[in-house]
Amino acid sequence: MRKSNRNSFKKSYQDKIFDVVNVVVMLVLLLIFVWPLWFVLIASVSNPTAVWNCEVVLWPVGFSMKAYKEAMNYSSLWTGYRNTIFYTVAGTLLNVVITTCAAYPLSRKEFLPRKFVLYVLLFTMYFSGGLIPTYLVVKKLGMIDTVWAMIIPGACSVYNVLVMRTYFKSSIPESLWEAAELDGANSFQYLIKILLPLSKPIIAVISLYYAVGHWNDYYTALVYIYDMKLMPLQSILKDLLMATQVQKNGPMTSIQMQEKRELAQLLKYCTIILASAPVLCAYPFVQKYFVKGVMIGSVKE
């Protein structure tokens, strides 16, 4: 009996061919996406001369921490990390709160002007005021060259509001609101005690979207920040690369110029690791929510 069951579940020839092709395609895609990341990592710890001569392919050649030592000696690096961590944590918290406060009423039928508000929000997705009006508003509010210029102007993403609103409507049963209303709960109590605890997946996805945006934000500081003490990590790393470029500050031998070029080349890989490592470490913890978040975002009611 067991034999017949095993035979009945045997894969057909076409299924086996499909599995082989699927594995091969996945391995090719894995190589395409993983190898560049691996190359950046091994290049950042290889000998600068080996990297310059294209000798580094799969493994580090002449293990060297020269680029990381040079980066660590750059005094502003830790200031950039501190600022970026603050911008990321504070900005993400503010983003999630405002996004939730916007998405919740738009998901409720009792909120009568929800369609009008939704149209206004959608309009801002396709038409913006532009850089100059936005800069004038930020300047008028006195946020130029302050930490608030990195957090408040982009405090809410309409796309994320729509994604969270869709989650509230499609994944949270309406019967929960009816039961809470019968028990005497108001809208605020329903949001805090029932809706948010059941919305952990979408909160995790939205938080990661916002956090990655804050962590990689370079343009905002370029426009609004002038004080080096307030610069985020991305701006500091850019200055680090510029500082290691070959400059004619005095007489240099050809060997010194070559060493400086090699160090500048190596620092490019080092800065990628320094900027990406924290996000790459955090990603696996919320990876399981990503597919669900993307599927929610693909359908908007």
Protein backbone atom coordinates (compact mmCIF):
# COMPACT_ATOMS: atom_id res chain seq x y z
CA MET A 1 0.00 0.00 0.00
CA ARG A 2 2.82 2.38 0.87
CA LYS A 3 4.54 1.44 -2.40
CA SER A 4 1.49 2.39 -4.46
CA ASN A 5 1.17 5.68 -2.60
CA ARG A 6 4.80 6.50 -3.27
CA ASN A 7 4.41 5.68 -6.95
CA SER A 8 1.29 7.83 -7.21
CA PHE A 9 3.24 10.85 -5.97
CA LYS A 10 6.14 10.40 -8.37
CA LYS A 11 6.86 13.44 -10.44
CA SER A 12 6.35 13.34 -14.16
CA TYR A 13 9.18 13.89 -16.64
CA GLN A 14 7.92 17.42 -17.36
CA ASP A 15 7.84 18.25 -13.64
CA LYS A 16 11.43 17.11 -13.23
CA ILE A 17 12.54 19.21 -16.20
CA PHE A 18 10.72 22.22 -14.73
CA ASP A 19 12.41 21.71 -11.35
CA VAL A 20 15.86 21.51 -12.94
CA VAL A 21 15.28 24.64 -15.04
CA ASN A 22 13.84 26.46 -12.01
CA VAL A 23 16.89 25.61 -9.87
CA VAL A 24 19.28 26.70 -12.63
CA VAL A 25 17.45 30.02 -13.11
CA MET A 26 17.42 30.67 -9.35
CA LEU A 27 21.15 29.92 -9.10
CA VAL A 28 21.89 32.31 -11.96
CA LEU A 29 19.80 35.04 -10.31
CA LEU A 30 21.50 34.35 -6.99
CA LEU A 31 24.88 34.77 -8.65
CA ILE A 32 23.80 37.99 -10.37
CA PHE A 33 22.53 39.60 -7.15
CA VAL A 34 24.89 38.18 -4.54
CA TRP A 35 28.24 38.32 -6.34
CA PRO A 36 28.38 42.16 -6.58
CA LEU A 37 27.75 42.42 -2.83
CA TRP A 38 30.36 39.77 -2.14
CA PHE A 39 32.85 41.50 -4.43
CA VAL A 40 32.39 44.82 -2.65
CA LEU A 41 33.03 43.10 0.69
CA ILE A 42 36.19 41.25 -0.38
CA ALA A 43 37.50 44.26 -2.29
CA SER A 44 37.19 46.42 0.82
CA VAL A 45 39.55 44.09 2.76
CA SER A 46 42.00 43.33 -0.05
CA ASN A 47 45.32 44.89 -0.88
CA PRO A 48 44.74 48.16 -2.79
CA THR A 49 47.23 47.15 -5.49
CA ALA A 50 45.43 43.83 -6.06
CA VAL A 51 42.08 45.59 -6.40
CA TRP A 52 43.60 48.19 -8.72
CA ASN A 53 45.06 45.43 -10.93
CA CYS A 54 41.71 43.52 -11.03
CA GLU A 55 43.18 40.49 -9.24
CA VAL A 56 40.30 40.25 -6.77
CA VAL A 57 37.51 38.04 -8.14
CA LEU A 58 36.16 35.54 -5.59
CA TRP A 59 38.43 35.82 -2.53
CA PRO A 60 40.37 38.62 -0.84
CA VAL A 61 43.91 39.06 -2.12
CA GLY A 62 46.49 40.32 0.38
CA PHE A 63 44.13 40.88 3.30
CA SER A 64 44.31 44.52 4.36
CA MET A 65 42.22 46.74 6.63
CA LYS A 66 43.86 49.89 5.30
CA ALA A 67 40.63 51.40 3.98
CA TYR A 68 38.76 50.81 7.25
CA LYS A 69 41.63 52.26 9.28
CA GLU A 70 41.62 55.34 7.08
CA ALA A 71 37.84 55.66 7.47
CA MET A 72 37.97 55.21 11.25
CA ASN A 73 40.59 57.94 11.52
CA TYR A 74 38.17 60.35 9.84
CA SER A 75 36.83 62.22 12.88
CA SER A 76 33.49 63.16 11.33
CA LEU A 77 32.53 59.54 10.59
CA TRP A 78 31.16 58.88 14.08
CA THR A 79 29.30 62.19 14.03
CA GLY A 80 27.67 61.11 10.78
CA TYR A 81 26.66 57.76 12.26
CA ARG A 82 25.19 59.47 15.33
CA ASN A 83 23.22 61.96 13.24
CA THR A 84 21.93 59.32 10.83
CA ILE A 85 20.82 57.03 13.66
CA PHE A 86 18.94 59.92 15.25
CA TYR A 87 17.35 60.97 11.94
CA THR A 88 16.39 57.36 11.20
CA VAL A 89 14.89 56.53 14.61
CA ALA A 90 13.13 59.85 15.24
CA GLY A 91 12.05 60.25 11.63
CA THR A 92 10.68 56.71 11.35
CA LEU A 93 8.70 57.06 14.58
CA LEU A 94 7.17 60.32 13.36
CA ASN A 95 6.50 58.82 9.92
CA VAL A 96 4.70 55.76 11.30
CA VAL A 97 2.56 57.85 13.70
CA ILE A 98 1.47 60.31 11.00
CA THR A 99 0.91 57.56 8.42
CA THR A 100 -1.26 55.62 10.88
CA CYS A 101 -3.23 58.73 11.83
CA ALA A 102 -3.87 59.43 8.14
CA ALA A 103 -4.66 55.87 7.08
CA TYR A 104 -7.03 55.00 9.90
CA PRO A 105 -9.79 57.59 9.21
CA LEU A 106 -9.50 56.95 5.46
CA SER A 107 -10.32 53.30 6.11
CA ARG A 108 -13.48 54.08 8.11
CA LYS A 109 -16.84 54.45 6.39
CA GLU A 110 -17.96 56.80 9.15
CA PHE A 111 -15.40 59.39 8.03
CA LEU A 112 -17.56 61.22 5.46
CA PRO A 113 -14.94 63.41 3.71
CA ARG A 114 -12.63 60.41 3.17
CA LYS A 115 -13.03 60.46 -0.64
CA PHE A 116 -12.23 64.15 -0.91
CA VAL A 117 -9.18 63.79 1.36
CA LEU A 118 -8.09 60.75 -0.62
CA TYR A 119 -8.28 62.67 -3.92
CA VAL A 120 -6.24 65.50 -2.41
CA LEU A 121 -3.58 63.06 -1.26
CA LEU A 122 -3.49 61.33 -4.64
CA PHE A 123 -3.09 64.71 -6.35
CA THR A 124 0.07 65.37 -4.32
CA MET A 125 1.54 62.06 -5.49
CA TYR A 126 1.63 63.27 -9.10
CA PHE A 127 2.02 67.04 -8.69
CA SER A 128 4.35 68.67 -6.18
CA GLY A 129 5.26 72.27 -5.46
CA GLY A 130 8.84 71.77 -6.56
CA LEU A 131 12.15 72.44 -4.88
CA ILE A 132 12.06 76.26 -4.64
CA PRO A 133 8.58 76.58 -3.01
CA THR A 134 9.43 73.74 -0.64
CA TYR A 135 12.72 75.39 0.29
CA LEU A 136 10.97 78.71 0.94
CA VAL A 137 8.42 77.01 3.20
CA VAL A 138 11.14 75.22 5.17
CA LYS A 139 13.09 78.47 5.47
CA LYS A 140 9.99 80.40 6.58
CA LEU A 141 9.41 77.84 9.31
CA GLY A 142 12.96 78.35 10.56
CA MET A 143 14.08 74.76 9.95
CA ILE A 144 17.07 75.51 7.72
CA ASP A 145 20.26 74.06 9.22
CA THR A 146 18.38 72.24 11.99
CA VAL A 147 17.68 68.56 12.65
CA TRP A 148 14.00 69.18 11.88
CA ALA A 149 14.79 69.85 8.23
CA MET A 150 15.82 66.20 7.93
CA ILE A 151 12.64 64.88 9.56
CA ILE A 152 9.57 67.08 9.12
CA PRO A 153 9.43 67.95 5.36
CA GLY A 154 9.11 64.27 4.43
CA ALA A 155 7.09 63.21 7.46
CA CYS A 156 4.46 61.34 5.45
CA SER A 157 4.41 59.30 2.25
CA VAL A 158 1.06 59.16 0.45
CA TYR A 159 1.93 55.77 -1.02
CA ASN A 160 2.53 54.30 2.44
CA VAL A 161 -0.75 55.86 3.65
CA LEU A 162 -2.57 54.04 0.84
CA VAL A 163 -0.82 50.77 1.64
CA MET A 164 -1.71 50.98 5.33
CA ARG A 165 -5.28 52.05 4.56
CA THR A 166 -5.69 49.03 2.29
CA TYR A 167 -4.38 46.75 5.03
CA PHE A 168 -6.84 48.16 7.54
CA LYS A 169 -9.73 47.61 5.13
CA SER A 170 -8.78 44.20 3.76
CA SER A 171 -7.12 42.43 6.69
CA ILE A 172 -9.02 43.66 9.78
CA PRO A 173 -12.61 42.33 10.00
CA GLU A 174 -15.33 44.95 10.39
CA SER A 175 -16.90 42.76 13.07
CA LEU A 176 -14.08 43.71 15.44
CA TRP A 177 -15.16 47.35 15.30
CA GLU A 178 -18.78 46.38 15.88
CA ALA A 179 -17.82 44.24 18.89
CA ALA A 180 -15.62 47.01 20.30
CA GLU A 181 -18.40 49.56 19.79
CA LEU A 182 -20.84 47.33 21.66
CA ASP A 183 -18.36 47.13 24.53
CA GLY A 184 -18.27 50.93 24.70
CA ALA A 185 -14.93 51.54 22.99
CA ASN A 186 -14.46 54.74 21.02
CA SER A 187 -12.41 55.15 17.83
CA PHE A 188 -9.19 55.99 19.65
CA GLN A 189 -9.46 52.98 21.97
CA TYR A 190 -10.23 50.72 19.01
CA LEU A 191 -7.16 52.01 17.16
CA ILE A 192 -4.76 51.63 20.10
CA LYS A 193 -6.01 48.43 21.72
CA ILE A 194 -7.30 46.39 18.77
CA LEU A 195 -6.23 47.70 15.37
CA LEU A 196 -2.53 48.41 15.97
CA PRO A 197 -1.75 45.10 17.77
CA LEU A 198 -3.26 43.26 14.78
CA SER A 199 -1.31 45.41 12.28
CA LYS A 200 2.24 44.47 13.25
CA PRO A 201 3.12 43.10 9.76
CA ILE A 202 2.20 46.31 7.92
CA ILE A 203 3.79 48.48 10.62
CA ALA A 204 7.03 46.52 10.25
CA VAL A 205 7.01 46.93 6.46
CA ILE A 206 6.18 50.65 6.57
CA SER A 207 8.80 51.22 9.27
CA LEU A 208 11.48 49.55 7.17
CA TYR A 209 10.50 51.58 4.10
CA TYR A 210 10.81 54.80 6.06
CA ALA A 211 13.97 53.74 7.91
CA VAL A 212 15.81 52.83 4.71
CA GLY A 213 14.75 56.13 3.19
CA HIS A 214 16.11 58.10 6.16
CA TRP A 215 19.31 56.06 6.31
CA ASN A 216 20.10 56.65 2.64
CA ASP A 217 18.92 60.26 2.58
CA TYR A 218 21.59 62.44 1.06
CA TYR A 219 19.66 64.98 -0.96
CA THR A 220 17.78 66.57 1.96
CA ALA A 221 21.02 67.41 3.75
CA LEU A 222 22.46 68.76 0.51
CA VAL A 223 19.59 71.27 0.27
CA TYR A 224 18.87 72.25 3.88
CA ILE A 225 21.96 71.51 6.02
CA TYR A 226 25.15 73.58 6.08
CA ASP A 227 26.55 72.77 9.53
CA MET A 228 28.98 69.82 9.35
CA LYS A 229 27.93 68.78 12.86
CA LEU A 230 24.42 68.02 11.54
CA MET A 231 25.45 66.18 8.38
CA PRO A 232 24.20 62.58 7.96
CA LEU A 233 26.46 59.62 7.29
CA GLN A 234 25.99 59.70 3.52
CA SER A 235 27.29 63.27 3.30
CA ILE A 236 30.23 62.45 5.57
CA LEU A 237 31.19 59.47 3.42
CA LYS A 238 31.05 61.66 0.32
CA ASP A 239 33.41 64.13 1.96
CA LEU A 240 35.69 61.25 2.96
CA LEU A 241 35.95 60.13 -0.66
CA MET A 242 36.63 63.68 -1.80
CA ALA A 243 39.35 64.09 0.83
CA THR A 244 41.24 61.04 -0.44
CA GLN A 245 41.24 62.11 -4.08
CA VAL A 246 44.60 63.06 -5.56
CA GLN A 247 45.07 66.81 -5.13
CA LYS A 248 48.04 68.95 -6.04
CA ASN A 249 48.68 70.32 -2.58
CA GLY A 250 52.42 69.96 -2.94
CA PRO A 251 55.10 67.95 -4.68
CA MET A 252 54.24 64.24 -4.83
CA THR A 253 56.16 61.39 -6.31
CA SER A 254 54.56 59.04 -8.80
CA ILE A 255 54.54 56.28 -6.16
CA GLN A 256 52.70 58.51 -3.67
CA MET A 257 50.16 59.49 -6.31
CA GLN A 258 49.62 55.83 -7.21
CA GLU A 259 49.12 54.87 -3.55
CA LYS A 260 46.61 57.67 -3.06
CA ARG A 261 44.65 56.62 -6.15
CA GLU A 262 44.57 53.02 -4.94
CA LEU A 263 43.41 54.09 -1.47
CA ALA A 264 40.65 56.25 -2.99
CA GLN A 265 39.53 53.28 -5.08
CA LEU A 266 39.51 51.01 -2.02
CA LEU A 267 37.60 53.55 0.07
CA LYS A 268 34.72 53.42 -2.41
CA TYR A 269 34.10 49.80 -1.45
CA CYS A 270 34.68 50.51 2.23
CA THR A 271 32.12 53.32 2.32
CA ILE A 272 29.51 51.08 0.64
CA ILE A 273 29.97 48.53 3.44
CA LEU A 274 29.87 51.18 6.17
CA ALA A 275 26.68 52.68 4.75
CA SER A 276 24.88 49.41 3.95
CA ALA A 277 25.84 47.07 6.78
CA PRO A 278 23.31 48.30 9.41
CA VAL A 279 20.39 48.09 6.96
CA LEU A 280 21.49 44.65 5.70
CA CYS A 281 21.66 43.43 9.31
CA ALA A 282 18.15 44.70 10.09
CA TYR A 283 16.52 43.40 6.90
CA PRO A 284 16.34 39.64 7.81
CA PHE A 285 14.25 40.42 10.90
CA VAL A 286 11.41 41.92 8.83
CA GLN A 287 11.90 39.94 5.63
CA LYS A 288 8.92 37.69 6.37
CA TYR A 289 6.63 40.73 6.29
CA PHE A 290 7.91 42.00 2.95
CA VAL A 291 5.93 39.73 0.64
CA LYS A 292 2.75 40.51 2.49
CA GLY A 293 3.45 44.23 2.38
CA VAL A 294 4.19 44.18 -1.35
CA MET A 295 1.01 42.23 -2.07
CA ILE A 296 -1.03 44.72 -0.05
CA GLY A 297 0.53 47.60 -1.94
CA SER A 298 -0.31 46.04 -5.31
CA VAL A 299 -4.07 46.41 -4.76
CA LYS A 300 -5.58 49.70 -3.62
CA GLU A 301 -9.28 49.94 -2.95
